[in-house]
Amino acid sequence: MASHHTFIVTISETYISNMPAAVTQLESHGLEVQQVLGMLGQVIGQAPDERVKELKNLDCVKSVDSERRYKAL
């Protein structure tokens, strides 16, 4: 079974005004969208690790970053 991680996808400037189209593209390429941050131009969701390269190559995507979690010592 593929490992799913949470990713923060930054949307390219040309798609920020059409976030629904960007979200549709992301979902059709394997991202399970959890949150859309329209004002920031970001989408947060989960996807299998092997889909990241495919997501990064979409026209609507500026960058894909892994969510990082920190714990206090």
PDB file of N, CA and C in Angstrom:
ATOM      1  N   MET A   1       0.842  -1.193   0.000  1.00  0.00           N
ATOM      2  CA  MET A   1       0.000   0.000   0.000  1.00  0.00           C
ATOM      3  C   MET A   1       0.880   1.246   0.000  1.00  0.00           C
ATOM      4  N   ALA A   2       0.517   2.220  -0.817  1.00  0.00           N
ATOM      5  CA  ALA A   2       1.308   3.444  -0.938  1.00  0.00           C
ATOM      6  C   ALA A   2       1.180   4.300   0.318  1.00  0.00           C
ATOM      7  N   SER A   3       2.277   4.936   0.650  1.00  0.00           N
ATOM      8  CA  SER A   3       2.292   5.831   1.805  1.00  0.00           C
ATOM      9  C   SER A   3       1.771   7.202   1.396  1.00  0.00           C
ATOM     10  N   HIS A   4       0.804   7.716   2.150  1.00  0.00           N
ATOM     11  CA  HIS A   4       0.242   9.042   1.887  1.00  0.00           C
ATOM     12  C   HIS A   4       0.856  10.051   2.845  1.00  0.00           C
ATOM     13  N   HIS A   5       1.179  11.201   2.324  1.00  0.00           N
ATOM     14  CA  HIS A   5       1.683  12.299   3.143  1.00  0.00           C
ATOM     15  C   HIS A   5       0.890  13.557   2.833  1.00  0.00           C
ATOM     16  N   THR A   6       0.953  14.504   3.733  1.00  0.00           N
ATOM     17  CA  THR A   6       0.279  15.778   3.527  1.00  0.00           C
ATOM     18  C   THR A   6       1.231  16.732   2.805  1.00  0.00           C
ATOM     19  N   PHE A   7       0.692  17.395   1.784  1.00  0.00           N
ATOM     20  CA  PHE A   7       1.480  18.329   0.977  1.00  0.00           C
ATOM     21  C   PHE A   7       0.796  19.685   0.922  1.00  0.00           C
ATOM     22  N   ILE A   8       1.614  20.710   0.819  1.00  0.00           N
ATOM     23  CA  ILE A   8       1.137  22.068   0.611  1.00  0.00           C
ATOM     24  C   ILE A   8       1.486  22.432  -0.826  1.00  0.00           C
ATOM     25  N   VAL A   9       0.448  22.649  -1.628  1.00  0.00           N
ATOM     26  CA  VAL A   9       0.639  22.948  -3.043  1.00  0.00           C
ATOM     27  C   VAL A   9       0.403  24.446  -3.243  1.00  0.00           C
ATOM     28  N   THR A  10       1.412  25.115  -3.764  1.00  0.00           N
ATOM     29  CA  THR A  10       1.283  26.534  -4.088  1.00  0.00           C
ATOM     30  C   THR A  10       0.868  26.630  -5.551  1.00  0.00           C
ATOM     31  N   ILE A  11      -0.190  27.377  -5.790  1.00  0.00           N
ATOM     32  CA  ILE A  11      -0.772  27.504  -7.125  1.00  0.00           C
ATOM     33  C   ILE A  11      -0.058  28.610  -7.902  1.00  0.00           C
ATOM     34  N   SER A  12       0.154  28.379  -9.201  1.00  0.00           N
ATOM     35  CA  SER A  12       0.809  29.381 -10.043  1.00  0.00           C
ATOM     36  C   SER A  12      -0.068  30.626 -10.171  1.00  0.00           C
ATOM     37  N   GLU A  13       0.569  31.748 -10.417  1.00  0.00           N
ATOM     38  CA  GLU A  13      -0.123  33.031 -10.477  1.00  0.00           C
ATOM     39  C   GLU A  13      -1.253  33.044 -11.499  1.00  0.00           C
ATOM     40  N   THR A  14      -1.075  32.343 -12.604  1.00  0.00           N
ATOM     41  CA  THR A  14      -2.093  32.349 -13.659  1.00  0.00           C
ATOM     42  C   THR A  14      -3.365  31.602 -13.250  1.00  0.00           C
ATOM     43  N   TYR A  15      -3.293  30.762 -12.223  1.00  0.00           N
ATOM     44  CA  TYR A  15      -4.461  29.994 -11.789  1.00  0.00           C
ATOM     45  C   TYR A  15      -5.081  30.508 -10.500  1.00  0.00           C
ATOM     46  N   ILE A  16      -4.439  31.440  -9.811  1.00  0.00           N
ATOM     47  CA  ILE A  16      -4.971  31.904  -8.530  1.00  0.00           C
ATOM     48  C   ILE A  16      -6.381  32.477  -8.694  1.00  0.00           C
ATOM     49  N   SER A  17      -6.659  33.126  -9.805  1.00  0.00           N
ATOM     50  CA  SER A  17      -7.994  33.684 -10.023  1.00  0.00           C
ATOM     51  C   SER A  17      -9.017  32.611 -10.394  1.00  0.00           C
ATOM     52  N   ASN A  18      -8.546  31.381 -10.637  1.00  0.00           N
ATOM     53  CA  ASN A  18      -9.443  30.275 -10.989  1.00  0.00           C
ATOM     54  C   ASN A  18      -9.093  29.048 -10.148  1.00  0.00           C
ATOM     55  N   MET A  19      -9.186  29.219  -8.834  1.00  0.00           N
ATOM     56  CA  MET A  19      -8.831  28.133  -7.906  1.00  0.00           C
ATOM     57  C   MET A  19      -9.651  26.862  -8.135  1.00  0.00           C
ATOM     58  N   PRO A  20     -10.953  26.952  -8.462  1.00  0.00           N
ATOM     59  CA  PRO A  20     -11.699  25.702  -8.688  1.00  0.00           C
ATOM     60  C   PRO A  20     -11.092  24.836  -9.791  1.00  0.00           C
ATOM     61  N   ALA A  21     -10.591  25.446 -10.852  1.00  0.00           N
ATOM     62  CA  ALA A  21      -9.963  24.688 -11.936  1.00  0.00           C
ATOM     63  C   ALA A  21      -8.673  24.031 -11.456  1.00  0.00           C
ATOM     64  N   ALA A  22      -7.908  24.757 -10.651  1.00  0.00           N
ATOM     65  CA  ALA A  22      -6.666  24.201 -10.100  1.00  0.00           C
ATOM     66  C   ALA A  22      -6.972  23.024  -9.177  1.00  0.00           C
ATOM     67  N   VAL A  23      -7.972  23.171  -8.332  1.00  0.00           N
ATOM     68  CA  VAL A  23      -8.352  22.093  -7.405  1.00  0.00           C
ATOM     69  C   VAL A  23      -8.803  20.857  -8.189  1.00  0.00           C
ATOM     70  N   THR A  24      -9.567  21.063  -9.240  1.00  0.00           N
ATOM     71  CA  THR A  24     -10.019  19.940 -10.073  1.00  0.00           C
ATOM     72  C   THR A  24      -8.833  19.202 -10.683  1.00  0.00           C
ATOM     73  N   GLN A  25      -7.847  19.948 -11.187  1.00  0.00           N
ATOM     74  CA  GLN A  25      -6.653  19.318 -11.757  1.00  0.00           C
ATOM     75  C   GLN A  25      -5.902  18.512 -10.699  1.00  0.00           C
ATOM     76  N   LEU A  26      -5.734  19.103  -9.523  1.00  0.00           N
ATOM     77  CA  LEU A  26      -5.017  18.417  -8.440  1.00  0.00           C
ATOM     78  C   LEU A  26      -5.734  17.133  -8.036  1.00  0.00           C
ATOM     79  N   GLU A  27      -7.040  17.211  -7.892  1.00  0.00           N
ATOM     80  CA  GLU A  27      -7.809  16.023  -7.503  1.00  0.00           C
ATOM     81  C   GLU A  27      -7.735  14.935  -8.567  1.00  0.00           C
ATOM     82  N   SER A  28      -7.772  15.326  -9.826  1.00  0.00           N
ATOM     83  CA  SER A  28      -7.728  14.334 -10.903  1.00  0.00           C
ATOM     84  C   SER A  28      -6.355  13.674 -11.025  1.00  0.00           C
ATOM     85  N   HIS A  29      -5.350  14.249 -10.367  1.00  0.00           N
ATOM     86  CA  HIS A  29      -4.009  13.666 -10.378  1.00  0.00           C
ATOM     87  C   HIS A  29      -3.610  13.097  -9.017  1.00  0.00           C
ATOM     88  N   GLY A  30      -4.610  12.807  -8.186  1.00  0.00           N
ATOM     89  CA  GLY A  30      -4.344  12.038  -6.976  1.00  0.00           C
ATOM     90  C   GLY A  30      -4.273  12.778  -5.664  1.00  0.00           C
ATOM     91  N   LEU A  31      -4.471  14.086  -5.643  1.00  0.00           N
ATOM     92  CA  LEU A  31      -4.433  14.820  -4.380  1.00  0.00           C
ATOM     93  C   LEU A  31      -5.810  14.787  -3.732  1.00  0.00           C
ATOM     94  N   GLU A  32      -5.876  14.328  -2.495  1.00  0.00           N
ATOM     95  CA  GLU A  32      -7.111  14.362  -1.716  1.00  0.00           C
ATOM     96  C   GLU A  32      -7.124  15.700  -0.982  1.00  0.00           C
ATOM     97  N   VAL A  33      -7.843  16.656  -1.535  1.00  0.00           N
ATOM     98  CA  VAL A  33      -7.837  18.027  -1.030  1.00  0.00           C
ATOM     99  C   VAL A  33      -8.514  18.093   0.339  1.00  0.00           C
ATOM    100  N   GLN A  34      -7.808  18.701   1.288  1.00  0.00           N
ATOM    101  CA  GLN A  34      -8.331  18.880   2.639  1.00  0.00           C
ATOM    102  C   GLN A  34      -8.718  20.326   2.906  1.00  0.00           C
ATOM    103  N   GLN A  35      -7.968  21.255   2.310  1.00  0.00           N
ATOM    104  CA  GLN A  35      -8.218  22.667   2.582  1.00  0.00           C
ATOM    105  C   GLN A  35      -7.729  23.506   1.404  1.00  0.00           C
ATOM    106  N   VAL A  36      -8.531  24.518   1.055  1.00  0.00           N
ATOM    107  CA  VAL A  36      -8.151  25.459  -0.001  1.00  0.00           C
ATOM    108  C   VAL A  36      -7.972  26.823   0.651  1.00  0.00           C
ATOM    109  N   LEU A  37      -6.774  27.358   0.539  1.00  0.00           N
ATOM    110  CA  LEU A  37      -6.447  28.672   1.097  1.00  0.00           C
ATOM    111  C   LEU A  37      -6.341  29.654  -0.069  1.00  0.00           C
ATOM    112  N   GLY A  38      -7.505  30.085  -0.554  1.00  0.00           N
ATOM    113  CA  GLY A  38      -7.574  30.921  -1.746  1.00  0.00           C
ATOM    114  C   GLY A  38      -6.783  32.207  -1.657  1.00  0.00           C
ATOM    115  N   MET A  39      -6.846  32.890  -0.515  1.00  0.00           N
ATOM    116  CA  MET A  39      -6.124  34.161  -0.358  1.00  0.00           C
ATOM    117  C   MET A  39      -4.611  33.960  -0.403  1.00  0.00           C
ATOM    118  N   LEU A  40      -4.141  32.788  -0.006  1.00  0.00           N
ATOM    119  CA  LEU A  40      -2.710  32.495  -0.027  1.00  0.00           C
ATOM    120  C   LEU A  40      -2.284  31.797  -1.320  1.00  0.00           C
ATOM    121  N   GLY A  41      -3.262  31.342  -2.091  1.00  0.00           N
ATOM    122  CA  GLY A  41      -2.950  30.619  -3.321  1.00  0.00           C
ATOM    123  C   GLY A  41      -2.372  29.249  -3.040  1.00  0.00           C
ATOM    124  N   GLN A  42      -2.885  28.599  -1.984  1.00  0.00           N
ATOM    125  CA  GLN A  42      -2.368  27.281  -1.609  1.00  0.00           C
ATOM    126  C   GLN A  42      -3.499  26.290  -1.408  1.00  0.00           C
ATOM    127  N   VAL A  43      -3.164  25.019  -1.648  1.00  0.00           N
ATOM    128  CA  VAL A  43      -4.083  23.911  -1.427  1.00  0.00           C
ATOM    129  C   VAL A  43      -3.341  22.898  -0.571  1.00  0.00           C
ATOM    130  N   ILE A  44      -4.001  22.407   0.477  1.00  0.00           N
ATOM    131  CA  ILE A  44      -3.409  21.404   1.359  1.00  0.00           C
ATOM    132  C   ILE A  44      -4.162  20.106   1.145  1.00  0.00           C
ATOM    133  N   GLY A  45      -3.416  19.027   0.997  1.00  0.00           N
ATOM    134  CA  GLY A  45      -4.060  17.733   0.791  1.00  0.00           C
ATOM    135  C   GLY A  45      -3.076  16.590   0.937  1.00  0.00           C
ATOM    136  N   GLN A  46      -3.612  15.380   0.816  1.00  0.00           N
ATOM    137  CA  GLN A  46      -2.794  14.180   0.935  1.00  0.00           C
ATOM    138  C   GLN A  46      -2.705  13.477  -0.412  1.00  0.00           C
ATOM    139  N   ALA A  47      -1.558  12.871  -0.648  1.00  0.00           N
ATOM    140  CA  ALA A  47      -1.342  12.120  -1.880  1.00  0.00           C
ATOM    141  C   ALA A  47      -0.268  11.069  -1.633  1.00  0.00           C
ATOM    142  N   PRO A  48      -0.279  10.006  -2.428  1.00  0.00           N
ATOM    143  CA  PRO A  48       0.806   9.031  -2.356  1.00  0.00           C
ATOM    144  C   PRO A  48       2.112   9.682  -2.805  1.00  0.00           C
ATOM    145  N   ASP A  49       3.203   9.262  -2.202  1.00  0.00           N
ATOM    146  CA  ASP A  49       4.514   9.831  -2.540  1.00  0.00           C
ATOM    147  C   ASP A  49       4.818   9.763  -4.036  1.00  0.00           C
ATOM    148  N   GLU A  50       4.397   8.683  -4.680  1.00  0.00           N
ATOM    149  CA  GLU A  50       4.729   8.520  -6.101  1.00  0.00           C
ATOM    150  C   GLU A  50       3.966   9.486  -7.011  1.00  0.00           C
ATOM    151  N   ARG A  51       2.991  10.215  -6.494  1.00  0.00           N
ATOM    152  CA  ARG A  51       2.238  11.194  -7.290  1.00  0.00           C
ATOM    153  C   ARG A  51       2.837  12.594  -7.254  1.00  0.00           C
ATOM    154  N   VAL A  52       3.800  12.839  -6.386  1.00  0.00           N
ATOM    155  CA  VAL A  52       4.341  14.187  -6.201  1.00  0.00           C
ATOM    156  C   VAL A  52       4.959  14.729  -7.492  1.00  0.00           C
ATOM    157  N   LYS A  53       5.737  13.932  -8.174  1.00  0.00           N
ATOM    158  CA  LYS A  53       6.375  14.389  -9.412  1.00  0.00           C
ATOM    159  C   LYS A  53       5.311  14.784 -10.440  1.00  0.00           C
ATOM    160  N   GLU A  54       4.263  13.993 -10.529  1.00  0.00           N
ATOM    161  CA  GLU A  54       3.164  14.276 -11.452  1.00  0.00           C
ATOM    162  C   GLU A  54       2.461  15.588 -11.082  1.00  0.00           C
ATOM    163  N   LEU A  55       2.232  15.793  -9.793  1.00  0.00           N
ATOM    164  CA  LEU A  55       1.602  17.031  -9.333  1.00  0.00           C
ATOM    165  C   LEU A  55       2.472  18.241  -9.647  1.00  0.00           C
ATOM    166  N   LYS A  56       3.774  18.118  -9.438  1.00  0.00           N
ATOM    167  CA  LYS A  56       4.696  19.230  -9.689  1.00  0.00           C
ATOM    168  C   LYS A  56       4.708  19.654 -11.151  1.00  0.00           C
ATOM    169  N   ASN A  57       4.371  18.734 -12.062  1.00  0.00           N
ATOM    170  CA  ASN A  57       4.415  19.022 -13.495  1.00  0.00           C
ATOM    171  C   ASN A  57       3.137  19.639 -14.048  1.00  0.00           C
ATOM    172  N   LEU A  58       2.122  19.819 -13.207  1.00  0.00           N
ATOM    173  CA  LEU A  58       0.875  20.424 -13.675  1.00  0.00           C
ATOM    174  C   LEU A  58       1.063  21.925 -13.925  1.00  0.00           C
ATOM    175  N   ASP A  59       0.364  22.449 -14.923  1.00  0.00           N
ATOM    176  CA  ASP A  59       0.442  23.878 -15.252  1.00  0.00           C
ATOM    177  C   ASP A  59       0.015  24.773 -14.097  1.00  0.00           C
ATOM    178  N   CYS A  60      -0.925  24.297 -13.295  1.00  0.00           N
ATOM    179  CA  CYS A  60      -1.475  25.125 -12.223  1.00  0.00           C
ATOM    180  C   CYS A  60      -0.586  25.156 -10.976  1.00  0.00           C
ATOM    181  N   VAL A  61       0.480  24.361 -10.951  1.00  0.00           N
ATOM    182  CA  VAL A  61       1.296  24.216  -9.742  1.00  0.00           C
ATOM    183  C   VAL A  61       2.598  25.003  -9.836  1.00  0.00           C
ATOM    184  N   LYS A  62       2.840  25.794  -8.812  1.00  0.00           N
ATOM    185  CA  LYS A  62       4.111  26.512  -8.686  1.00  0.00           C
ATOM    186  C   LYS A  62       5.101  25.664  -7.888  1.00  0.00           C
ATOM    187  N   SER A  63       4.620  25.051  -6.773  1.00  0.00           N
ATOM    188  CA  SER A  63       5.491  24.187  -5.975  1.00  0.00           C
ATOM    189  C   SER A  63       4.661  23.216  -5.149  1.00  0.00           C
ATOM    190  N   VAL A  64       5.307  22.112  -4.752  1.00  0.00           N
ATOM    191  CA  VAL A  64       4.701  21.115  -3.874  1.00  0.00           C
ATOM    192  C   VAL A  64       5.688  20.871  -2.748  1.00  0.00           C
ATOM    193  N   ASP A  65       5.246  21.110  -1.521  1.00  0.00           N
ATOM    194  CA  ASP A  65       6.117  20.952  -0.357  1.00  0.00           C
ATOM    195  C   ASP A  65       5.477  20.003   0.651  1.00  0.00           C
ATOM    196  N   SER A  66       6.299  19.171   1.273  1.00  0.00           N
ATOM    197  CA  SER A  66       5.815  18.290   2.337  1.00  0.00           C
ATOM    198  C   SER A  66       5.496  19.107   3.567  1.00  0.00           C
ATOM    199  N   GLU A  67       4.416  18.735   4.222  1.00  0.00           N
ATOM    200  CA  GLU A  67       4.085  19.365   5.488  1.00  0.00           C
ATOM    201  C   GLU A  67       5.124  18.930   6.511  1.00  0.00           C
ATOM    202  N   ARG A  68       5.567  19.848   7.307  1.00  0.00           N
ATOM    203  CA  ARG A  68       6.547  19.532   8.349  1.00  0.00           C
ATOM    204  C   ARG A  68       5.911  19.759   9.702  1.00  0.00           C
ATOM    205  N   ARG A  69       6.125  18.817  10.582  1.00  0.00           N
ATOM    206  CA  ARG A  69       5.587  18.929  11.935  1.00  0.00           C
ATOM    207  C   ARG A  69       6.748  18.979  12.921  1.00  0.00           C
ATOM    208  N   TYR A  70       6.593  19.839  13.891  1.00  0.00           N
ATOM    209  CA  TYR A  70       7.639  20.021  14.887  1.00  0.00           C
ATOM    210  C   TYR A  70       7.074  19.736  16.262  1.00  0.00           C
ATOM    211  N   LYS A  71       7.914  19.166  17.100  1.00  0.00           N
ATOM    212  CA  LYS A  71       7.529  18.890  18.488  1.00  0.00           C
ATOM    213  C   LYS A  71       8.424  19.686  19.426  1.00  0.00           C
ATOM    214  N   ALA A  72       7.832  20.178  20.483  1.00  0.00           N
ATOM    215  CA  ALA A  72       8.620  20.871  21.499  1.00  0.00           C
ATOM    216  C   ALA A  72       9.470  19.850  22.249  1.00  0.00           C
ATOM    217  N   LEU A  73      10.644  20.248  22.633  1.00  0.00           N
ATOM    218  CA  LEU A  73      11.530  19.334  23.362  1.00  0.00           C
ATOM    219  C   LEU A  73      11.181  19.258  24.813  1.00  0.00           C
TER     220      LEU A  73
END
